[in-house]
Each structure stands twice: as C-alpha cells, then as structure tokens.
Amino acid sequence: MDYLPILLLILGLLIIVFDMMVAAFITPIGMAFAALGLLLALNIDFNVAFIISLIVAVVSYQLFARFIRKGTEDIGKPKYTFELKGKRGKVREIKGDEVWVELEGEVWLSKPLNEVKEGDEVVVVDTNGIKLIVKKLD
C-alpha cells in the first residue's frame, strides 16, 4: 500500500487545523495538500492531481481572502495624505534635505516650497506619495 496519498491528506488537514489556531493564512496550502492526497488515493494520475490541487489552492486562496477581508475590522482611523491638504502643522526637525513636520500628532516627511526653519508654522498644499508638500505660513 502506498502511504504518500494518506500522508499528504493528513499533512493538508494538519496545516488547515494549525492555520485555524494561529491565523497564519496557510489554509490554501493545506487545501492543496489535502486535495492532492485525496486525488492520489483515488488513483488519479499525479500530473492531473497536481494541476487540480494547484487550482484548488488558487480558488481557496481567493475565497479565503475575500472572507478574511470582509471579517477584518480596522481598529484605528487611518490617515491618508490626500486628507491632509490644507491642514496646518509645525516644522519639528530639519536634517539636511529632510524636513519633518508635525501634523495632528504625527510627524511626516515633507518638502517645503519656500524656506523654513524649525518651529515655523506650515500648511500642506499637496502630497507626493507619503511625502507632504508644505509652504510656510505668512
């Protein structure tokens, strides 16, 4: 008797159970191993069984990703740089070309449009990725 299919099936089930305990998001791998073991136990050709198990992994990944994304709750209020346009802050630190501005309790890397020094009040006029474009208030 060939033990490989049984071992693959058991390994797949153990991975799924382990994933339930630690939330490591490896259930699709467990599903692929379980499918491969089950198909090999049913005497399906290895190449066909392998391709089907890969399809099972991709489909289960898509299903679990949608399920987990729906069930995940954001516990904080994220800040996006585009929401910061027009907000006022204060220059906290200047290190060479880097200007660090404190804005709403957080420190952001900024690019000033005019000459600034530490302690100056600035306003966000635009963003570039996660970098703020600021200008000194008159």
C-alpha atoms as a PDB file:
ATOM      1  CA  MET A   1       0.000   0.000   0.000  1.00  0.00           C
ATOM      2  CA  ASP A   2       1.238   3.464  -0.925  1.00  0.00           C
ATOM      3  CA  TYR A   3       1.369   5.799   2.079  1.00  0.00           C
ATOM      4  CA  LEU A   4       2.060   9.039   0.159  1.00  0.00           C
ATOM      5  CA  PRO A   5      -1.606   9.915  -0.505  1.00  0.00           C
ATOM      6  CA  ILE A   6      -2.554   9.304   3.115  1.00  0.00           C
ATOM      7  CA  LEU A   7       0.415  11.334   4.370  1.00  0.00           C
ATOM      8  CA  LEU A   8      -0.430  14.221   2.019  1.00  0.00           C
ATOM      9  CA  LEU A   9      -4.067  14.176   3.133  1.00  0.00           C
ATOM     10  CA  ILE A  10      -3.065  14.161   6.810  1.00  0.00           C
ATOM     11  CA  LEU A  11      -0.488  16.898   6.222  1.00  0.00           C
ATOM     12  CA  GLY A  12      -3.093  19.031   4.470  1.00  0.00           C
ATOM     13  CA  LEU A  13      -5.593  18.597   7.302  1.00  0.00           C
ATOM     14  CA  LEU A  14      -2.922  19.368   9.914  1.00  0.00           C
ATOM     15  CA  ILE A  15      -1.982  22.574   8.074  1.00  0.00           C
ATOM     16  CA  ILE A  16      -5.640  23.636   7.977  1.00  0.00           C
ATOM     17  CA  VAL A  17      -6.061  22.947  11.721  1.00  0.00           C
ATOM     18  CA  PHE A  18      -2.780  24.728  12.516  1.00  0.00           C
ATOM     19  CA  ASP A  19      -3.910  27.731  10.468  1.00  0.00           C
ATOM     20  CA  MET A  20      -7.127  27.910  12.482  1.00  0.00           C
ATOM     21  CA  MET A  21      -5.103  28.153  15.685  1.00  0.00           C
ATOM     22  CA  VAL A  22      -2.512  30.739  14.623  1.00  0.00           C
ATOM     23  CA  ALA A  23      -4.219  32.599  11.747  1.00  0.00           C
ATOM     24  CA  ALA A  24      -1.168  32.345   9.524  1.00  0.00           C
ATOM     25  CA  PHE A  25      -3.311  32.254   6.349  1.00  0.00           C
ATOM     26  CA  ILE A  26      -1.835  28.996   5.037  1.00  0.00           C
ATOM     27  CA  THR A  27      -5.165  27.202   4.650  1.00  0.00           C
ATOM     28  CA  PRO A  28      -4.929  27.223   0.812  1.00  0.00           C
ATOM     29  CA  ILE A  29      -1.675  25.257   1.081  1.00  0.00           C
ATOM     30  CA  GLY A  30      -3.398  22.762   3.354  1.00  0.00           C
ATOM     31  CA  MET A  31      -6.296  22.533   0.918  1.00  0.00           C
ATOM     32  CA  ALA A  32      -3.849  21.821  -1.928  1.00  0.00           C
ATOM     33  CA  PHE A  33      -2.093  19.057   0.034  1.00  0.00           C
ATOM     34  CA  ALA A  34      -5.393  17.525   1.102  1.00  0.00           C
ATOM     35  CA  ALA A  35      -6.729  17.616  -2.476  1.00  0.00           C
ATOM     36  CA  LEU A  36      -3.520  16.098  -3.833  1.00  0.00           C
ATOM     37  CA  GLY A  37      -3.591  13.312  -1.253  1.00  0.00           C
ATOM     38  CA  LEU A  38      -7.270  12.582  -1.888  1.00  0.00           C
ATOM     39  CA  LEU A  39      -6.831  12.535  -5.667  1.00  0.00           C
ATOM     40  CA  LEU A  40      -3.794  10.270  -5.446  1.00  0.00           C
ATOM     41  CA  ALA A  41      -5.735   7.939  -3.131  1.00  0.00           C
ATOM     42  CA  LEU A  42      -8.384   7.733  -5.866  1.00  0.00           C
ATOM     43  CA  ASN A  43      -5.647   6.630  -8.318  1.00  0.00           C
ATOM     44  CA  ILE A  44      -5.747   9.818 -10.387  1.00  0.00           C
ATOM     45  CA  ASP A  45      -2.595  10.413 -12.446  1.00  0.00           C
ATOM     46  CA  PHE A  46      -0.071  12.502 -10.472  1.00  0.00           C
ATOM     47  CA  ASN A  47       0.218  15.247 -13.108  1.00  0.00           C
ATOM     48  CA  VAL A  48      -3.545  15.686 -13.295  1.00  0.00           C
ATOM     49  CA  ALA A  49      -3.875  15.537  -9.498  1.00  0.00           C
ATOM     50  CA  PHE A  50      -1.113  18.112  -9.095  1.00  0.00           C
ATOM     51  CA  ILE A  51      -2.775  20.552 -11.516  1.00  0.00           C
ATOM     52  CA  ILE A  52      -6.151  20.097  -9.826  1.00  0.00           C
ATOM     53  CA  SER A  53      -4.572  20.681  -6.406  1.00  0.00           C
ATOM     54  CA  LEU A  54      -2.987  23.912  -7.677  1.00  0.00           C
ATOM     55  CA  ILE A  55      -6.402  25.036  -8.909  1.00  0.00           C
ATOM     56  CA  VAL A  56      -7.867  24.159  -5.501  1.00  0.00           C
ATOM     57  CA  ALA A  57      -5.142  26.256  -3.839  1.00  0.00           C
ATOM     58  CA  VAL A  58      -5.816  29.301  -6.036  1.00  0.00           C
ATOM     59  CA  VAL A  59      -9.595  29.076  -5.659  1.00  0.00           C
ATOM     60  CA  SER A  60      -9.386  28.574  -1.895  1.00  0.00           C
ATOM     61  CA  TYR A  61      -6.939  31.489  -1.640  1.00  0.00           C
ATOM     62  CA  GLN A  62      -9.415  33.742  -3.443  1.00  0.00           C
ATOM     63  CA  LEU A  63     -12.326  32.594  -1.288  1.00  0.00           C
ATOM     64  CA  PHE A  64     -10.435  32.904   1.994  1.00  0.00           C
ATOM     65  CA  ALA A  65      -9.002  36.292   1.019  1.00  0.00           C
ATOM     66  CA  ARG A  66     -12.496  37.648   0.401  1.00  0.00           C
ATOM     67  CA  PHE A  67     -13.827  36.073   3.587  1.00  0.00           C
ATOM     68  CA  ILE A  68     -10.992  37.392   5.738  1.00  0.00           C
ATOM     69  CA  ARG A  69     -11.117  40.861   4.155  1.00  0.00           C
ATOM     70  CA  LYS A  70     -14.831  41.116   4.973  1.00  0.00           C
ATOM     71  CA  GLY A  71     -14.354  39.893   8.533  1.00  0.00           C
ATOM     72  CA  THR A  72     -11.377  42.110   9.327  1.00  0.00           C
ATOM     73  CA  GLU A  73     -12.233  45.256  11.193  1.00  0.00           C
ATOM     74  CA  ASP A  74      -9.971  48.290  11.158  1.00  0.00           C
ATOM     75  CA  ILE A  75      -9.420  49.307  14.781  1.00  0.00           C
ATOM     76  CA  GLY A  76      -7.857  52.662  14.012  1.00  0.00           C
ATOM     77  CA  LYS A  77      -8.694  55.601  11.833  1.00  0.00           C
ATOM     78  CA  PRO A  78      -6.188  55.548   9.007  1.00  0.00           C
ATOM     79  CA  LYS A  79      -4.802  58.815   7.739  1.00  0.00           C
ATOM     80  CA  TYR A  80      -4.261  59.291   4.073  1.00  0.00           C
ATOM     81  CA  THR A  81      -2.020  62.015   2.779  1.00  0.00           C
ATOM     82  CA  PHE A  82      -4.700  63.419   0.469  1.00  0.00           C
ATOM     83  CA  GLU A  83      -6.866  64.097   3.541  1.00  0.00           C
ATOM     84  CA  LEU A  84      -4.138  66.336   4.951  1.00  0.00           C
ATOM     85  CA  LYS A  85      -4.288  69.049   2.255  1.00  0.00           C
ATOM     86  CA  GLY A  86      -4.993  72.406   3.825  1.00  0.00           C
ATOM     87  CA  LYS A  87      -4.032  71.251   7.336  1.00  0.00           C
ATOM     88  CA  ARG A  88      -1.582  73.255   9.401  1.00  0.00           C
ATOM     89  CA  GLY A  89       1.441  71.867  11.155  1.00  0.00           C
ATOM     90  CA  LYS A  90       4.770  72.836  12.658  1.00  0.00           C
ATOM     91  CA  VAL A  91       8.293  72.132  11.449  1.00  0.00           C
ATOM     92  CA  ARG A  92       9.814  69.864  14.097  1.00  0.00           C
ATOM     93  CA  GLU A  93      13.207  68.964  12.664  1.00  0.00           C
ATOM     94  CA  ILE A  94      15.399  69.694   9.671  1.00  0.00           C
ATOM     95  CA  LYS A  95      18.117  67.188   8.779  1.00  0.00           C
ATOM     96  CA  GLY A  96      19.890  68.109   5.582  1.00  0.00           C
ATOM     97  CA  ASP A  97      17.281  67.835   2.815  1.00  0.00           C
ATOM     98  CA  GLU A  98      14.710  66.222   5.103  1.00  0.00           C
ATOM     99  CA  VAL A  99      12.108  68.433   6.725  1.00  0.00           C
ATOM    100  CA  TRP A 100       9.948  66.736   9.373  1.00  0.00           C
ATOM    101  CA  VAL A 101       6.583  68.354  10.076  1.00  0.00           C
ATOM    102  CA  GLU A 102       4.286  67.514  12.992  1.00  0.00           C
ATOM    103  CA  LEU A 103       0.685  67.424  11.866  1.00  0.00           C
ATOM    104  CA  GLU A 104      -2.216  66.246  14.023  1.00  0.00           C
ATOM    105  CA  GLY A 105       0.137  64.497  16.442  1.00  0.00           C
ATOM    106  CA  GLU A 106       2.107  62.642  13.762  1.00  0.00           C
ATOM    107  CA  VAL A 107       5.439  63.513  12.189  1.00  0.00           C
ATOM    108  CA  TRP A 108       5.620  63.467   8.393  1.00  0.00           C
ATOM    109  CA  LEU A 109       8.469  63.804   5.926  1.00  0.00           C
ATOM    110  CA  SER A 110       7.867  66.974   3.952  1.00  0.00           C
ATOM    111  CA  LYS A 111       9.179  69.009   1.073  1.00  0.00           C
ATOM    112  CA  PRO A 112       8.855  72.754   1.652  1.00  0.00           C
ATOM    113  CA  LEU A 113       8.104  75.089  -1.259  1.00  0.00           C
ATOM    114  CA  ASN A 114       9.815  78.015   0.466  1.00  0.00           C
ATOM    115  CA  GLU A 115      12.495  78.496   3.116  1.00  0.00           C
ATOM    116  CA  VAL A 116      11.502  77.095   6.525  1.00  0.00           C
ATOM    117  CA  LYS A 117      13.200  76.674   9.867  1.00  0.00           C
ATOM    118  CA  GLU A 118      12.378  74.623  12.953  1.00  0.00           C
ATOM    119  CA  GLY A 119       9.276  75.905  14.746  1.00  0.00           C
ATOM    120  CA  ASP A 120       7.719  77.518  11.639  1.00  0.00           C
ATOM    121  CA  GLU A 121       4.025  77.056  11.009  1.00  0.00           C
ATOM    122  CA  VAL A 122       3.332  75.419   7.632  1.00  0.00           C
ATOM    123  CA  VAL A 123       0.299  74.393   5.609  1.00  0.00           C
ATOM    124  CA  VAL A 124       0.016  71.284   3.426  1.00  0.00           C
ATOM    125  CA  VAL A 125      -0.551  72.329  -0.189  1.00  0.00           C
ATOM    126  CA  ASP A 126      -0.123  68.953  -1.885  1.00  0.00           C
ATOM    127  CA  THR A 127       1.191  65.433  -1.431  1.00  0.00           C
ATOM    128  CA  ASN A 128       3.638  63.199  -3.232  1.00  0.00           C
ATOM    129  CA  GLY A 129       3.026  59.631  -2.103  1.00  0.00           C
ATOM    130  CA  ILE A 130       3.597  59.749   1.642  1.00  0.00           C
ATOM    131  CA  LYS A 131       5.604  62.969   1.486  1.00  0.00           C
ATOM    132  CA  LEU A 132       3.796  66.228   2.195  1.00  0.00           C
ATOM    133  CA  ILE A 133       4.393  69.340   0.106  1.00  0.00           C
ATOM    134  CA  VAL A 134       4.220  72.276   2.508  1.00  0.00           C
ATOM    135  CA  LYS A 135       4.692  76.034   2.473  1.00  0.00           C
ATOM    136  CA  LYS A 136       5.438  78.411   5.275  1.00  0.00           C
ATOM    137  CA  LEU A 137       2.521  80.461   6.543  1.00  0.00           C
ATOM    138  CA  ASP A 138       2.992  84.210   6.180  1.00  0.00           C
END
